[in-house]
Amino acid sequence: MLDLHIHTNASDGAHSPEEIVQLVKQKGLYCFAIADHNSIGSLKRAWELAEEEGLNFLPAVEFDTFYKELDLHLLAYGIDFANPSCSQWMEEIFEAKIRQTKKRVEKLKALGFKIDFDTLMKIAGNKQPTGGDYVRALSQDPEGRNDPRVRAYIDGERSNSPYMNFYLDWLKAGRPAFVPFEEMEITKVIKRAKALGAVLVLAHPSDTPEEYVEELAQEGLDGLEVYTSYHSSELAEKWLKIAQRLGLIPTAGSDFHGKKVKPDVELGIECAFEKEMVEKLVQRISQRRGKFIFKAG
């Protein structure tokens, strides 16, 4: 068992790096990767903890990107997070995400929702707001809280996971308050991340047209997240065949955020060829960065 797609409280996860490492030890994972959204905030500490515990660890970032009409998430394994240019890029992305958030708020207002940008950012702790943050911001005004569209996420049929459900219903591509993240067009992200030594894997690709994946493979995509909480065994088999046909590295990750955020997603993914998978990733990272030691201990 391993997990190459874990979030911490540096972005929208519930757990600190220390807590994640303890959970990894309890599960006995062969290898783990922290991949926060557009953030390297937990990577230095996670690397230190992995070294202390002798754990196999891959530093990563999950970039929110845009391709044609879709929001796509791109996992960047082995990114050189200690490089000052990487930190600068994260700051640029944060500023762009704030601009996107302002546009989302304006769209929600136009749809009749009661929401204030400053209140939303305060609730989010001045980080990138999650779906759950939007629901809490929408609930601040009594009239807004009683809006049936909002109540659905408080105690109604969509309340099992406000974090996921509000995003899927309102903010995702094709939804009423969708705002494309045009500053992060995926082919440009691939090139910039590769310059920082990263190996690029498309996360949970099940809602991405196969022809788009073929195009991205030509643009330098390295892999596909085949084994994931988003895929049934049948879907995993389908995407494994696609990865093999396109010469892409298949990877495995749960997209774990913690029970408070994603209650149905457990840490760890069963995979028959986990060592081979990690070896391929490390080999590709080493080709870009020079020798890369993923187990420091």
Protein backbone atom coordinates (compact mmCIF):
# COMPACT_ATOMS: atom_id res chain seq x y z
CA MET A 1 0.00 0.00 0.00
CA LEU A 2 1.14 3.53 -0.80
CA ASP A 3 -0.35 6.98 -1.31
CA LEU A 4 1.09 9.55 -3.70
CA HIS A 5 -1.67 12.14 -3.31
CA ILE A 6 -2.10 13.51 0.23
CA HIS A 7 -3.11 17.00 1.36
CA THR A 8 -2.16 18.86 4.54
CA ASN A 9 -3.34 22.05 6.22
CA ALA A 10 -0.91 24.00 4.02
CA SER A 11 -3.77 23.99 1.52
CA ASP A 12 -7.15 22.36 2.17
CA GLY A 13 -6.33 19.28 4.22
CA ALA A 14 -7.27 18.74 7.86
CA HIS A 15 -3.90 17.44 9.10
CA SER A 16 -0.44 18.85 9.76
CA PRO A 17 2.66 17.17 8.25
CA GLU A 18 3.36 15.67 11.69
CA GLU A 19 -0.09 14.09 11.80
CA ILE A 20 0.20 12.79 8.25
CA VAL A 21 3.52 11.10 9.02
CA GLN A 22 1.98 9.38 12.04
CA LEU A 23 -0.92 8.16 9.89
CA VAL A 24 1.53 6.92 7.24
CA LYS A 25 3.42 4.97 9.90
CA GLN A 26 0.20 3.48 11.29
CA LYS A 27 -0.86 2.36 7.82
CA GLY A 28 2.61 1.04 6.99
CA LEU A 29 2.67 2.75 3.60
CA TYR A 30 5.56 1.86 1.30
CA CYS A 31 5.80 5.46 0.06
CA PHE A 32 3.83 8.68 0.48
CA ALA A 33 3.67 12.05 -1.25
CA ILE A 34 2.29 15.32 0.03
CA ALA A 35 0.75 17.28 -2.84
CA ASP A 36 -0.99 20.40 -1.59
CA HIS A 37 -2.90 22.67 -3.96
CA ASN A 38 -0.51 25.29 -5.34
CA SER A 39 1.54 25.17 -2.11
CA ILE A 40 4.91 23.93 -0.93
CA GLY A 41 4.19 24.98 2.65
CA SER A 42 4.42 21.50 4.18
CA LEU A 43 7.18 19.98 2.07
CA LYS A 44 10.26 21.04 4.06
CA ARG A 45 8.80 19.77 7.33
CA ALA A 46 7.50 16.57 5.74
CA TRP A 47 10.93 15.91 4.22
CA GLU A 48 12.58 16.36 7.64
CA LEU A 49 10.07 14.04 9.31
CA ALA A 50 10.42 11.40 6.60
CA GLU A 51 14.20 11.53 7.05
CA GLU A 52 13.85 11.10 10.83
CA GLU A 53 11.50 8.15 10.44
CA GLY A 54 13.25 6.53 7.46
CA LEU A 55 10.14 6.77 5.29
CA ASN A 56 9.93 6.80 1.51
CA PHE A 57 8.69 10.27 0.61
CA LEU A 58 8.09 12.20 -2.62
CA PRO A 59 7.59 15.98 -2.40
CA ALA A 60 4.90 17.22 -4.76
CA VAL A 61 2.48 20.02 -5.61
CA GLU A 62 -1.00 19.70 -7.08
CA PHE A 63 -1.41 22.54 -9.55
CA ASP A 64 -4.88 23.79 -10.41
CA THR A 65 -4.66 24.23 -14.18
CA PHE A 66 -6.86 25.06 -17.15
CA TYR A 67 -7.03 23.30 -20.52
CA LYS A 68 -9.59 24.26 -23.14
CA GLU A 69 -12.89 24.27 -21.20
CA LEU A 70 -11.73 22.12 -18.29
CA ASP A 71 -10.20 22.54 -14.85
CA LEU A 72 -7.45 19.91 -14.62
CA HIS A 73 -5.31 19.04 -11.62
CA LEU A 74 -1.65 18.36 -12.29
CA LEU A 75 0.61 16.57 -9.80
CA ALA A 76 4.25 17.69 -9.91
CA TYR A 77 6.44 15.04 -8.25
CA GLY A 78 9.97 15.81 -7.15
CA ILE A 79 9.60 19.56 -7.67
CA ASP A 80 12.60 21.50 -6.36
CA PHE A 81 10.73 23.19 -3.52
CA ALA A 82 13.91 24.66 -2.04
CA ASN A 83 14.54 26.67 -5.20
CA PRO A 84 13.66 30.37 -4.65
CA SER A 85 12.03 30.49 -8.07
CA CYS A 86 9.61 27.80 -6.90
CA SER A 87 8.57 29.93 -3.90
CA GLN A 88 8.14 32.92 -6.20
CA TRP A 89 5.91 30.90 -8.49
CA MET A 90 3.71 29.84 -5.57
CA GLU A 91 3.26 33.51 -4.65
CA GLU A 92 2.27 34.35 -8.21
CA ILE A 93 -0.26 31.51 -8.23
CA PHE A 94 -1.75 32.64 -4.93
CA GLU A 95 -2.27 36.16 -6.28
CA ALA A 96 -3.92 34.71 -9.40
CA LYS A 97 -6.17 32.49 -7.25
CA ILE A 98 -7.31 35.55 -5.29
CA ARG A 99 -8.26 37.26 -8.55
CA GLN A 100 -10.20 34.12 -9.52
CA THR A 101 -11.92 34.09 -6.12
CA LYS A 102 -13.08 37.69 -6.53
CA LYS A 103 -14.61 36.81 -9.90
CA ARG A 104 -16.31 33.75 -8.39
CA VAL A 105 -17.81 35.88 -5.63
CA GLU A 106 -19.17 38.36 -8.19
CA LYS A 107 -20.76 35.52 -10.16
CA LEU A 108 -22.36 34.12 -7.01
CA LYS A 109 -23.71 37.57 -6.14
CA ALA A 110 -25.17 37.86 -9.64
CA LEU A 111 -26.93 34.54 -8.98
CA GLY A 112 -28.56 36.03 -5.89
CA PHE A 113 -26.29 34.59 -3.19
CA LYS A 114 -25.42 36.68 -0.11
CA ILE A 115 -21.62 36.57 0.06
CA ASP A 116 -18.81 39.01 0.84
CA PHE A 117 -15.24 38.58 -0.46
CA ASP A 118 -13.52 39.90 2.69
CA THR A 119 -15.62 37.63 4.90
CA LEU A 120 -14.82 34.65 2.70
CA MET A 121 -11.08 35.30 2.90
CA LYS A 122 -11.23 35.73 6.68
CA ILE A 123 -13.04 32.40 7.02
CA ALA A 124 -10.45 30.78 4.74
CA GLY A 125 -7.62 32.11 6.94
CA ASN A 126 -6.37 34.09 3.94
CA LYS A 127 -5.66 30.85 2.10
CA GLN A 128 -7.34 29.73 -1.11
CA PRO A 129 -11.03 29.27 -0.12
CA THR A 130 -12.46 25.76 -0.31
CA GLY A 131 -16.03 24.75 -1.06
CA GLY A 132 -16.63 24.51 2.67
CA ASP A 133 -15.33 28.06 3.16
CA TYR A 134 -17.80 29.31 0.57
CA VAL A 135 -20.66 27.59 2.42
CA ARG A 136 -19.59 29.15 5.74
CA ALA A 137 -19.34 32.58 4.11
CA LEU A 138 -22.76 32.17 2.52
CA SER A 139 -24.16 31.26 5.95
CA GLN A 140 -23.06 34.47 7.69
CA ASP A 141 -26.10 36.46 6.61
CA PRO A 142 -29.41 35.13 8.07
CA GLU A 143 -31.16 35.56 4.75
CA GLY A 144 -28.32 33.83 2.96
CA ARG A 145 -28.24 31.00 5.46
CA ASN A 146 -31.93 30.30 4.85
CA ASP A 147 -31.53 30.23 1.09
CA PRO A 148 -32.54 26.65 0.14
CA ARG A 149 -29.51 26.48 -2.14
CA VAL A 150 -27.27 27.09 0.88
CA ARG A 151 -29.23 24.98 3.36
CA ALA A 152 -28.57 21.97 1.14
CA TYR A 153 -24.92 22.14 2.24
CA ILE A 154 -25.64 22.88 5.92
CA ASP A 155 -28.16 20.20 6.86
CA GLY A 156 -29.64 19.07 3.55
CA GLU A 157 -28.93 16.51 0.90
CA ARG A 158 -25.48 17.91 0.04
CA SER A 159 -24.29 18.33 3.64
CA ASN A 160 -22.24 15.12 3.77
CA SER A 161 -19.27 16.97 2.22
CA PRO A 162 -19.78 20.75 1.71
CA TYR A 163 -16.11 20.98 0.71
CA MET A 164 -16.60 18.79 -2.36
CA ASN A 165 -20.25 19.32 -3.13
CA PHE A 166 -20.31 23.11 -3.33
CA TYR A 167 -17.33 23.06 -5.67
CA LEU A 168 -18.91 20.39 -7.86
CA ASP A 169 -22.29 22.14 -7.97
CA TRP A 170 -21.21 25.77 -8.46
CA LEU A 171 -17.49 26.33 -9.11
CA LYS A 172 -16.38 23.46 -11.33
CA ALA A 173 -16.08 23.87 -15.09
CA GLY A 174 -19.52 24.04 -16.64
CA ARG A 175 -21.20 25.19 -13.40
CA PRO A 176 -22.89 28.58 -12.86
CA ALA A 177 -20.04 30.31 -10.98
CA PHE A 178 -17.17 28.77 -12.95
CA VAL A 179 -14.21 31.07 -13.62
CA PRO A 180 -11.39 29.61 -15.77
CA PHE A 181 -7.93 29.74 -14.19
CA GLU A 182 -6.41 31.07 -17.38
CA GLU A 183 -3.12 32.12 -15.75
CA MET A 184 -2.38 28.41 -15.26
CA GLU A 185 -2.87 27.04 -18.77
CA ILE A 186 -1.67 23.46 -18.40
CA THR A 187 0.92 23.30 -21.19
CA LYS A 188 2.69 26.36 -19.75
CA VAL A 189 2.57 24.81 -16.27
CA ILE A 190 4.12 21.59 -17.58
CA LYS A 191 7.07 23.48 -19.05
CA ARG A 192 7.65 25.64 -15.98
CA ALA A 193 7.35 22.72 -13.54
CA LYS A 194 9.74 20.60 -15.59
CA ALA A 195 12.28 23.41 -15.35
CA LEU A 196 12.06 22.86 -11.57
CA GLY A 197 12.77 19.15 -11.97
CA ALA A 198 9.18 17.93 -11.65
CA VAL A 199 7.54 14.87 -13.18
CA LEU A 200 3.97 15.73 -14.22
CA VAL A 201 1.02 13.41 -13.63
CA LEU A 202 -2.63 14.16 -14.44
CA ALA A 203 -4.68 13.62 -11.27
CA HIS A 204 -7.96 11.64 -11.26
CA PRO A 205 -8.39 11.79 -15.06
CA SER A 206 -11.78 10.04 -15.31
CA ASP A 207 -13.66 13.18 -16.44
CA THR A 208 -10.97 14.20 -18.95
CA PRO A 209 -11.60 13.30 -22.61
CA GLU A 210 -9.15 10.70 -23.83
CA GLU A 211 -8.15 12.88 -26.78
CA TYR A 212 -7.13 15.63 -24.36
CA VAL A 213 -4.87 13.19 -22.54
CA GLU A 214 -3.30 12.21 -25.86
CA GLU A 215 -2.67 15.89 -26.63
CA LEU A 216 -1.14 16.50 -23.21
CA ALA A 217 1.13 13.47 -23.62
CA GLN A 218 2.50 15.22 -26.71
CA GLU A 219 3.00 18.37 -24.61
CA GLY A 220 5.17 16.56 -22.06
CA LEU A 221 2.78 14.93 -19.57
CA ASP A 222 4.63 12.10 -17.80
CA GLY A 223 1.92 10.06 -16.11
CA LEU A 224 -1.69 9.36 -15.17
CA GLU A 225 -3.14 8.81 -11.71
CA VAL A 226 -4.70 5.42 -12.43
CA TYR A 227 -5.44 4.10 -8.95
CA THR A 228 -7.46 6.67 -7.01
CA SER A 229 -10.55 7.09 -4.85
CA TYR A 230 -12.23 8.58 -7.92
CA HIS A 231 -11.91 5.36 -9.96
CA SER A 232 -13.69 2.04 -9.74
CA SER A 233 -11.61 -1.04 -10.51
CA GLU A 234 -13.04 -0.97 -14.04
CA LEU A 235 -12.04 2.67 -14.54
CA ALA A 236 -8.58 1.96 -13.13
CA GLU A 237 -8.14 -0.84 -15.66
CA LYS A 238 -9.27 1.47 -18.47
CA TRP A 239 -6.84 4.24 -17.50
CA LEU A 240 -4.00 1.77 -16.97
CA LYS A 241 -4.39 0.64 -20.58
CA ILE A 242 -4.45 4.25 -21.76
CA ALA A 243 -1.29 5.01 -19.76
CA GLN A 244 0.46 1.98 -21.21
CA ARG A 245 -0.60 2.86 -24.76
CA LEU A 246 0.69 6.42 -24.41
CA GLY A 247 3.88 5.46 -22.56
CA LEU A 248 2.80 7.30 -19.40
CA ILE A 249 3.70 6.31 -15.83
CA PRO A 250 0.66 4.99 -13.90
CA THR A 251 0.46 6.28 -10.33
CA ALA A 252 -1.70 5.75 -7.24
CA GLY A 253 -3.11 8.33 -4.84
CA SER A 254 -6.19 8.64 -2.66
CA ASP A 255 -6.54 12.47 -2.63
CA PHE A 256 -6.71 12.19 1.16
CA HIS A 257 -7.72 15.39 2.97
CA GLY A 258 -8.83 13.97 6.32
CA LYS A 259 -12.25 12.90 7.59
CA LYS A 260 -13.39 16.45 8.36
CA VAL A 261 -12.91 17.44 4.72
CA LYS A 262 -13.48 14.29 2.66
CA PRO A 263 -15.17 11.81 5.02
CA ASP A 264 -15.31 8.97 2.50
CA VAL A 265 -11.64 8.99 1.44
CA GLU A 266 -9.20 6.77 3.34
CA LEU A 267 -5.43 7.12 3.38
CA GLY A 268 -3.62 4.56 1.25
CA ILE A 269 -4.15 2.79 -2.08
CA GLU A 270 -3.61 -0.90 -2.75
CA CYS A 271 -1.43 -1.41 -5.80
CA ALA A 272 0.27 -4.58 -7.04
CA PHE A 273 3.31 -2.85 -8.58
CA GLU A 274 3.93 -0.04 -6.11
CA LYS A 275 7.72 -0.40 -6.01
CA GLU A 276 8.01 -0.37 -9.79
CA MET A 277 5.76 2.70 -9.92
CA VAL A 278 7.86 4.65 -7.43
CA GLU A 279 11.10 3.55 -9.08
CA LYS A 280 9.89 4.89 -12.43
CA LEU A 281 8.94 8.22 -10.88
CA VAL A 282 12.26 8.53 -9.05
CA GLN A 283 14.19 7.61 -12.17
CA ARG A 284 12.37 10.27 -14.19
CA ILE A 285 12.88 12.87 -11.43
CA SER A 286 16.58 12.01 -11.29
CA GLN A 287 16.88 12.55 -15.04
CA ARG A 288 15.58 16.10 -14.55
CA ARG A 289 17.24 17.04 -11.28
CA GLY A 290 20.30 14.86 -11.10
CA LYS A 291 20.46 12.21 -8.38
CA PHE A 292 17.30 12.28 -6.30
CA ILE A 293 17.12 10.40 -3.00
CA PHE A 294 13.51 9.76 -2.08
CA LYS A 295 14.39 7.86 1.09
CA ALA A 296 16.60 9.90 3.37
CA GLY A 297 17.47 7.59 6.21
